[in-house]
């Protein structure tokens, strides 16, 4: 365990307390959403759909946190970072599409105007993350070309 902590510390030494903040954030979100999700999933039909909505929200947050932990801060412009950003975007779009189908079946929740736009806003964030991943991948390619010419 101590070796793993040293590896993470080397990875994130330039980013301050990012690892600690992400881990605390993951645990607190799971503790906050966990009992509510279990209660809603064990309830009736419309509440079960609301539990599905909250589950998709939780999965997006967890995927985002796990991917942030996987990023190596020593080599931010790399194919690995680009792949991680693209996977964040893909998972976010996928879970928000699933969340929208749950929200439509959840009864009055799917008809509320502000809540119905929420999934679309988060999905745009996912598309933006995938786009940033493509930009990083292009930057890696340009960096490799410049390294070859030198």
Foldseek 3Di string as FASTA:
>chain_A
DVVVVVVLCQQCVVVPCLLVVLVVVLVVLCVVLVVQLVVQCPDDDLSVLVSLLSVLVNVLSVLVSVLVSVQRNVCCLDLSVLVSLLVSLVSLLVSLVVSLVSQVRNPVSCVDDVSVCVSVVSNVVSVVSNVVSVVSPVVSVVVVVVVVVD
